[in-house]
Amino acid sequence: MNIYRLVFSPIEVNTYILEGDDNKCAVIDCGCYTYEEFGQLTESLEKKKLEPVLLLNTHCHLDHIFGNRWFLEKYKLGTLCHSGDEMNRKNSVKQAMFFGLTMDTPPEPAGFLEDGQIITFGPFNIKTLHVPGHSPGSLAFYIEGEDIVFTGDALFAGTIGRTDLPGGDFNTLITSIKTKLFTLPPNTVVYPGHYGSTTIGDEIKTNPHFS
């Protein structure tokens, strides 16, 4: 699977493009803060001759859903996410003001995902893993057979997501990581919601929250 990473918004969120078969692609966390940034995303897709057929959200904090409205308007695709993050989606405009930012009310999701659900994307199976703690509805997306996982803001290289936002809980996040992420093969590459990639094995060995 070819994976492309674009970084958007003042909060520097990772937006991932997953290339499938027949020039189809999936997008994880459309974090475009301005229409100009959304233009960068669409230009990248056009250059690669990719057609989006799937939009996923690891969670619904404002920085991960900035671009969902434009994505819906252009590609007629609503996001799939966990229902536990509806509070964050509905409060995202107020949260933006708290950070000194602005945004329009995000659109309703196209549907909700559950823990263990399999999403078929071309020849790939994307397994949803519910990893609450950073937010109530946080999801990770594990590509079965590819040893790849997109962890949103649950797990980063050398650290974990913050738990001081509404709905966050430190002990819940630690349990989620141990039971849902650290049980994946050690060579699984971790693509987080911010910063660079790591592996499950490296985080088990070196992440200070688990040593």
C-alpha atoms as a PDB file:
ATOM      1  CA  MET A   1       0.000   0.000   0.000  1.00  0.00           C
ATOM      2  CA  ASN A   2       1.280   3.459  -0.914  1.00  0.00           C
ATOM      3  CA  ILE A   3       0.778   6.019   1.863  1.00  0.00           C
ATOM      4  CA  TYR A   4       1.162   9.776   1.477  1.00  0.00           C
ATOM      5  CA  ARG A   5       1.271  12.249   4.364  1.00  0.00           C
ATOM      6  CA  LEU A   6       0.295  15.912   4.202  1.00  0.00           C
ATOM      7  CA  VAL A   7       0.489  18.259   7.206  1.00  0.00           C
ATOM      8  CA  PHE A   8      -2.165  20.952   7.616  1.00  0.00           C
ATOM      9  CA  SER A   9      -3.423  23.719   9.922  1.00  0.00           C
ATOM     10  CA  PRO A  10      -1.676  25.699  12.667  1.00  0.00           C
ATOM     11  CA  ILE A  11      -1.981  22.562  14.832  1.00  0.00           C
ATOM     12  CA  GLU A  12       0.009  20.560  12.250  1.00  0.00           C
ATOM     13  CA  VAL A  13      -2.213  17.517  11.898  1.00  0.00           C
ATOM     14  CA  ASN A  14      -1.269  14.612   9.647  1.00  0.00           C
ATOM     15  CA  THR A  15      -3.675  13.895   6.803  1.00  0.00           C
ATOM     16  CA  TYR A  16      -3.030  10.511   5.216  1.00  0.00           C
ATOM     17  CA  ILE A  17      -3.842   9.334   1.699  1.00  0.00           C
ATOM     18  CA  LEU A  18      -4.000   5.560   1.226  1.00  0.00           C
ATOM     19  CA  GLU A  19      -3.665   4.439  -2.370  1.00  0.00           C
ATOM     20  CA  GLY A  20      -5.643   1.352  -3.305  1.00  0.00           C
ATOM     21  CA  ASP A  21      -6.361  -0.361  -6.618  1.00  0.00           C
ATOM     22  CA  ASP A  22      -7.745   1.239  -9.798  1.00  0.00           C
ATOM     23  CA  ASN A  23      -6.673   4.763  -8.755  1.00  0.00           C
ATOM     24  CA  LYS A  24      -8.982   4.723  -5.720  1.00  0.00           C
ATOM     25  CA  CYS A  25      -7.869   6.147  -2.405  1.00  0.00           C
ATOM     26  CA  ALA A  26      -8.942   6.590   1.196  1.00  0.00           C
ATOM     27  CA  VAL A  27      -8.248   9.690   3.277  1.00  0.00           C
ATOM     28  CA  ILE A  28      -7.722   9.620   7.046  1.00  0.00           C
ATOM     29  CA  ASP A  29      -8.254  12.861   9.032  1.00  0.00           C
ATOM     30  CA  CYS A  30      -8.846  15.648   6.530  1.00  0.00           C
ATOM     31  CA  GLY A  31      -7.196  18.411   8.566  1.00  0.00           C
ATOM     32  CA  CYS A  32      -7.217  21.226   5.978  1.00  0.00           C
ATOM     33  CA  TYR A  33      -7.796  24.447   7.935  1.00  0.00           C
ATOM     34  CA  THR A  34      -8.192  26.793   4.948  1.00  0.00           C
ATOM     35  CA  TYR A  35      -9.665  26.356   1.506  1.00  0.00           C
ATOM     36  CA  GLU A  36      -6.150  26.938   0.155  1.00  0.00           C
ATOM     37  CA  GLU A  37      -4.931  23.960   2.141  1.00  0.00           C
ATOM     38  CA  PHE A  38      -7.810  21.908   0.807  1.00  0.00           C
ATOM     39  CA  GLY A  39      -6.628  22.948  -2.640  1.00  0.00           C
ATOM     40  CA  GLN A  40      -3.229  21.475  -1.831  1.00  0.00           C
ATOM     41  CA  LEU A  41      -4.919  18.192  -0.944  1.00  0.00           C
ATOM     42  CA  THR A  42      -7.049  18.080  -4.084  1.00  0.00           C
ATOM     43  CA  GLU A  43      -4.061  19.047  -6.240  1.00  0.00           C
ATOM     44  CA  SER A  44      -2.060  16.203  -4.720  1.00  0.00           C
ATOM     45  CA  LEU A  45      -4.881  13.758  -5.467  1.00  0.00           C
ATOM     46  CA  GLU A  46      -5.209  15.017  -9.032  1.00  0.00           C
ATOM     47  CA  LYS A  47      -1.475  14.746  -9.693  1.00  0.00           C
ATOM     48  CA  LYS A  48      -1.545  11.166  -8.481  1.00  0.00           C
ATOM     49  CA  LYS A  49      -4.781  10.566 -10.452  1.00  0.00           C
ATOM     50  CA  LEU A  50      -6.496   9.302  -7.312  1.00  0.00           C
ATOM     51  CA  GLU A  51     -10.241   9.259  -6.664  1.00  0.00           C
ATOM     52  CA  PRO A  52     -11.307   9.359  -3.001  1.00  0.00           C
ATOM     53  CA  VAL A  53     -13.857   6.694  -2.116  1.00  0.00           C
ATOM     54  CA  LEU A  54     -13.508   6.652   1.679  1.00  0.00           C
ATOM     55  CA  LEU A  55     -13.068   9.294   4.394  1.00  0.00           C
ATOM     56  CA  LEU A  56     -12.175   8.159   7.916  1.00  0.00           C
ATOM     57  CA  ASN A  57     -11.687  10.050  11.163  1.00  0.00           C
ATOM     58  CA  THR A  58      -9.581   8.692  13.995  1.00  0.00           C
ATOM     59  CA  HIS A  59     -11.519  11.090  16.248  1.00  0.00           C
ATOM     60  CA  CYS A  60     -13.410  14.355  16.023  1.00  0.00           C
ATOM     61  CA  HIS A  61     -11.252  16.941  17.716  1.00  0.00           C
ATOM     62  CA  LEU A  62     -11.363  20.111  15.641  1.00  0.00           C
ATOM     63  CA  ASP A  63      -7.948  19.763  13.981  1.00  0.00           C
ATOM     64  CA  HIS A  64      -8.824  16.341  12.560  1.00  0.00           C
ATOM     65  CA  ILE A  65     -12.137  17.431  11.033  1.00  0.00           C
ATOM     66  CA  PHE A  66     -11.357  20.935   9.726  1.00  0.00           C
ATOM     67  CA  GLY A  67     -11.680  19.824   6.103  1.00  0.00           C
ATOM     68  CA  ASN A  68     -14.674  17.492   6.335  1.00  0.00           C
ATOM     69  CA  ARG A  69     -17.154  20.041   4.967  1.00  0.00           C
ATOM     70  CA  TRP A  70     -15.074  20.791   1.876  1.00  0.00           C
ATOM     71  CA  PHE A  71     -14.458  17.079   1.378  1.00  0.00           C
ATOM     72  CA  LEU A  72     -18.192  16.429   1.459  1.00  0.00           C
ATOM     73  CA  GLU A  73     -18.942  19.275  -0.947  1.00  0.00           C
ATOM     74  CA  LYS A  74     -16.324  18.233  -3.522  1.00  0.00           C
ATOM     75  CA  TYR A  75     -16.308  14.450  -3.315  1.00  0.00           C
ATOM     76  CA  LYS A  76     -19.791  13.759  -1.859  1.00  0.00           C
ATOM     77  CA  LEU A  77     -18.185  11.702   0.884  1.00  0.00           C
ATOM     78  CA  GLY A  78     -19.089  12.045   4.540  1.00  0.00           C
ATOM     79  CA  THR A  79     -16.778  10.742   7.197  1.00  0.00           C
ATOM     80  CA  LEU A  80     -16.949   7.486   9.112  1.00  0.00           C
ATOM     81  CA  CYS A  81     -16.032   7.780  12.797  1.00  0.00           C
ATOM     82  CA  HIS A  82     -17.049   6.535  16.249  1.00  0.00           C
ATOM     83  CA  SER A  83     -20.280   7.758  17.829  1.00  0.00           C
ATOM     84  CA  GLY A  84     -18.431   8.397  21.089  1.00  0.00           C
ATOM     85  CA  ASP A  85     -16.904  11.512  19.577  1.00  0.00           C
ATOM     86  CA  GLU A  86     -20.166  13.223  18.655  1.00  0.00           C
ATOM     87  CA  MET A  87     -19.668  15.529  21.638  1.00  0.00           C
ATOM     88  CA  ASN A  88     -16.360  16.717  20.211  1.00  0.00           C
ATOM     89  CA  ARG A  89     -17.766  17.138  16.713  1.00  0.00           C
ATOM     90  CA  LYS A  90     -20.733  19.182  17.929  1.00  0.00           C
ATOM     91  CA  ASN A  91     -18.533  21.348  20.181  1.00  0.00           C
ATOM     92  CA  SER A  92     -15.736  21.835  17.658  1.00  0.00           C
ATOM     93  CA  VAL A  93     -16.711  25.421  16.748  1.00  0.00           C
ATOM     94  CA  LYS A  94     -16.464  26.448  20.425  1.00  0.00           C
ATOM     95  CA  GLN A  95     -13.220  24.498  20.781  1.00  0.00           C
ATOM     96  CA  ALA A  96     -11.796  26.371  17.792  1.00  0.00           C
ATOM     97  CA  MET A  97     -12.560  29.694  19.489  1.00  0.00           C
ATOM     98  CA  PHE A  98     -10.730  28.460  22.607  1.00  0.00           C
ATOM     99  CA  PHE A  99      -7.608  27.928  20.469  1.00  0.00           C
ATOM    100  CA  GLY A 100      -8.026  31.295  18.737  1.00  0.00           C
ATOM    101  CA  LEU A 101      -9.215  29.671  15.514  1.00  0.00           C
ATOM    102  CA  THR A 102     -12.452  29.665  13.526  1.00  0.00           C
ATOM    103  CA  MET A 103     -14.343  26.970  11.661  1.00  0.00           C
ATOM    104  CA  ASP A 104     -17.771  26.241  10.246  1.00  0.00           C
ATOM    105  CA  THR A 105     -20.023  23.664  11.859  1.00  0.00           C
ATOM    106  CA  PRO A 106     -18.796  20.277  10.570  1.00  0.00           C
ATOM    107  CA  PRO A 107     -21.243  18.064   8.682  1.00  0.00           C
ATOM    108  CA  GLU A 108     -22.981  15.043  10.140  1.00  0.00           C
ATOM    109  CA  PRO A 109     -20.985  11.816   9.720  1.00  0.00           C
ATOM    110  CA  ALA A 110     -22.002   9.421   6.981  1.00  0.00           C
ATOM    111  CA  GLY A 111     -21.969   6.608   9.527  1.00  0.00           C
ATOM    112  CA  PHE A 112     -20.469   5.289  12.726  1.00  0.00           C
ATOM    113  CA  LEU A 113     -17.850   2.597  13.240  1.00  0.00           C
ATOM    114  CA  GLU A 114     -17.603   0.047  16.039  1.00  0.00           C
ATOM    115  CA  ASP A 115     -14.649  -1.713  17.622  1.00  0.00           C
ATOM    116  CA  GLY A 116     -13.475  -4.628  15.509  1.00  0.00           C
ATOM    117  CA  GLN A 117     -15.418  -3.581  12.417  1.00  0.00           C
ATOM    118  CA  ILE A 118     -13.813  -4.423   9.074  1.00  0.00           C
ATOM    119  CA  ILE A 119     -13.875  -1.872   6.256  1.00  0.00           C
ATOM    120  CA  THR A 120     -13.104  -3.288   2.831  1.00  0.00           C
ATOM    121  CA  PHE A 121     -10.989  -0.948   0.718  1.00  0.00           C
ATOM    122  CA  GLY A 122     -10.040  -2.572  -2.579  1.00  0.00           C
ATOM    123  CA  PRO A 123      -7.850  -5.575  -1.718  1.00  0.00           C
ATOM    124  CA  PHE A 124      -7.263  -4.283   1.819  1.00  0.00           C
ATOM    125  CA  ASN A 125      -9.145  -4.897   5.057  1.00  0.00           C
ATOM    126  CA  ILE A 126      -9.095  -1.979   7.485  1.00  0.00           C
ATOM    127  CA  LYS A 127      -9.882  -3.068  11.039  1.00  0.00           C
ATOM    128  CA  THR A 128     -11.203  -0.451  13.447  1.00  0.00           C
ATOM    129  CA  LEU A 129      -9.818  -0.511  16.974  1.00  0.00           C
ATOM    130  CA  HIS A 130     -11.591   1.535  19.644  1.00  0.00           C
ATOM    131  CA  VAL A 131      -8.846   3.199  21.707  1.00  0.00           C
ATOM    132  CA  PRO A 132     -10.571   5.696  24.050  1.00  0.00           C
ATOM    133  CA  GLY A 133      -8.653   7.859  26.477  1.00  0.00           C
ATOM    134  CA  HIS A 134      -7.523  10.811  24.387  1.00  0.00           C
ATOM    135  CA  SER A 135     -11.173  11.181  23.455  1.00  0.00           C
ATOM    136  CA  PRO A 136     -14.162   8.888  24.079  1.00  0.00           C
ATOM    137  CA  GLY A 137     -14.502   7.878  20.437  1.00  0.00           C
ATOM    138  CA  SER A 138     -10.861   7.572  19.411  1.00  0.00           C
ATOM    139  CA  LEU A 139     -10.219   4.918  16.780  1.00  0.00           C
ATOM    140  CA  ALA A 140      -7.098   3.342  15.325  1.00  0.00           C
ATOM    141  CA  PHE A 141      -7.174   1.840  11.848  1.00  0.00           C
ATOM    142  CA  TYR A 142      -5.159  -1.343  11.380  1.00  0.00           C
ATOM    143  CA  ILE A 143      -4.459  -2.554   7.842  1.00  0.00           C
ATOM    144  CA  GLU A 144      -4.600  -6.310   8.152  1.00  0.00           C
ATOM    145  CA  GLY A 145      -1.789  -8.100   6.342  1.00  0.00           C
ATOM    146  CA  GLU A 146       0.185  -4.879   5.829  1.00  0.00           C
ATOM    147  CA  ASP A 147       1.432  -4.304   9.409  1.00  0.00           C
ATOM    148  CA  ILE A 148       0.295  -0.669   9.389  1.00  0.00           C
ATOM    149  CA  VAL A 149      -1.782   1.169  11.988  1.00  0.00           C
ATOM    150  CA  PHE A 150      -3.053   4.750  12.062  1.00  0.00           C
ATOM    151  CA  THR A 151      -3.346   5.727  15.719  1.00  0.00           C
ATOM    152  CA  GLY A 152      -4.698   9.272  15.614  1.00  0.00           C
ATOM    153  CA  ASP A 153      -3.770  11.017  18.867  1.00  0.00           C
ATOM    154  CA  ALA A 154      -3.691   7.878  21.010  1.00  0.00           C
ATOM    155  CA  LEU A 155      -0.051   6.887  20.473  1.00  0.00           C
ATOM    156  CA  PHE A 156       2.912   8.895  19.169  1.00  0.00           C
ATOM    157  CA  ALA A 157       6.620   8.238  18.806  1.00  0.00           C
ATOM    158  CA  GLY A 158       7.877   8.389  22.363  1.00  0.00           C
ATOM    159  CA  THR A 159       4.698   9.621  23.996  1.00  0.00           C
ATOM    160  CA  ILE A 160       0.902   9.355  24.156  1.00  0.00           C
ATOM    161  CA  GLY A 161      -2.002  11.703  23.481  1.00  0.00           C
ATOM    162  CA  ARG A 162      -3.040  14.352  25.970  1.00  0.00           C
ATOM    163  CA  THR A 163      -5.873  13.406  28.299  1.00  0.00           C
ATOM    164  CA  ASP A 164      -6.813  16.795  29.763  1.00  0.00           C
ATOM    165  CA  LEU A 165      -9.433  17.648  27.130  1.00  0.00           C
ATOM    166  CA  PRO A 166     -13.164  16.932  27.696  1.00  0.00           C
ATOM    167  CA  GLY A 167     -13.773  13.184  27.698  1.00  0.00           C
ATOM    168  CA  GLY A 168     -10.107  12.325  28.107  1.00  0.00           C
ATOM    169  CA  ASP A 169      -8.824   9.918  30.764  1.00  0.00           C
ATOM    170  CA  PHE A 170      -5.214   8.892  31.343  1.00  0.00           C
ATOM    171  CA  ASN A 171      -5.851   5.415  32.770  1.00  0.00           C
ATOM    172  CA  THR A 172      -8.308   4.608  29.997  1.00  0.00           C
ATOM    173  CA  LEU A 173      -5.765   5.620  27.348  1.00  0.00           C
ATOM    174  CA  ILE A 174      -3.000   3.528  28.911  1.00  0.00           C
ATOM    175  CA  THR A 175      -5.319   0.508  28.970  1.00  0.00           C
ATOM    176  CA  SER A 176      -6.402   1.103  25.372  1.00  0.00           C
ATOM    177  CA  ILE A 177      -2.816   1.225  24.147  1.00  0.00           C
ATOM    178  CA  LYS A 178      -1.796  -1.885  26.073  1.00  0.00           C
ATOM    179  CA  THR A 179      -4.782  -3.999  25.035  1.00  0.00           C
ATOM    180  CA  LYS A 180      -5.492  -2.775  21.496  1.00  0.00           C
ATOM    181  CA  LEU A 181      -2.203  -1.467  20.085  1.00  0.00           C
ATOM    182  CA  PHE A 182       0.593  -3.263  21.920  1.00  0.00           C
ATOM    183  CA  THR A 183      -1.008  -6.589  20.999  1.00  0.00           C
ATOM    184  CA  LEU A 184      -0.296  -5.891  17.306  1.00  0.00           C
ATOM    185  CA  PRO A 185       2.847  -7.390  15.715  1.00  0.00           C
ATOM    186  CA  PRO A 186       5.973  -5.532  16.932  1.00  0.00           C
ATOM    187  CA  ASN A 187       6.991  -4.622  13.370  1.00  0.00           C
ATOM    188  CA  THR A 188       3.694  -2.789  12.782  1.00  0.00           C
ATOM    189  CA  VAL A 189       4.411   0.742  11.558  1.00  0.00           C
ATOM    190  CA  VAL A 190       2.568   3.416  13.535  1.00  0.00           C
ATOM    191  CA  TYR A 191       1.303   6.461  11.644  1.00  0.00           C
ATOM    192  CA  PRO A 192       0.120   8.960  14.285  1.00  0.00           C
ATOM    193  CA  GLY A 193      -2.043  12.046  14.025  1.00  0.00           C
ATOM    194  CA  HIS A 194       0.945  14.351  14.561  1.00  0.00           C
ATOM    195  CA  TYR A 195       4.696  14.067  14.033  1.00  0.00           C
ATOM    196  CA  GLY A 196       6.542  11.153  12.441  1.00  0.00           C
ATOM    197  CA  SER A 197       6.069   7.408  12.365  1.00  0.00           C
ATOM    198  CA  THR A 198       7.346   4.732  14.730  1.00  0.00           C
ATOM    199  CA  THR A 199       6.710   1.032  15.329  1.00  0.00           C
ATOM    200  CA  ILE A 200       4.769  -0.869  17.935  1.00  0.00           C
ATOM    201  CA  GLY A 201       7.930  -2.712  18.991  1.00  0.00           C
ATOM    202  CA  ASP A 202       9.859   0.513  19.534  1.00  0.00           C
ATOM    203  CA  GLU A 203       7.077   2.004  21.639  1.00  0.00           C
ATOM    204  CA  ILE A 204       6.788  -1.117  23.786  1.00  0.00           C
ATOM    205  CA  LYS A 205      10.537  -0.930  24.466  1.00  0.00           C
ATOM    206  CA  THR A 206      11.156   2.808  24.780  1.00  0.00           C
ATOM    207  CA  ASN A 207       7.962   4.769  25.383  1.00  0.00           C
ATOM    208  CA  PRO A 208       8.425   6.272  28.887  1.00  0.00           C
ATOM    209  CA  HIS A 209       4.745   5.847  29.741  1.00  0.00           C
ATOM    210  CA  PHE A 210       5.178   2.074  29.688  1.00  0.00           C
ATOM    211  CA  SER A 211       8.688   1.519  31.007  1.00  0.00           C
END
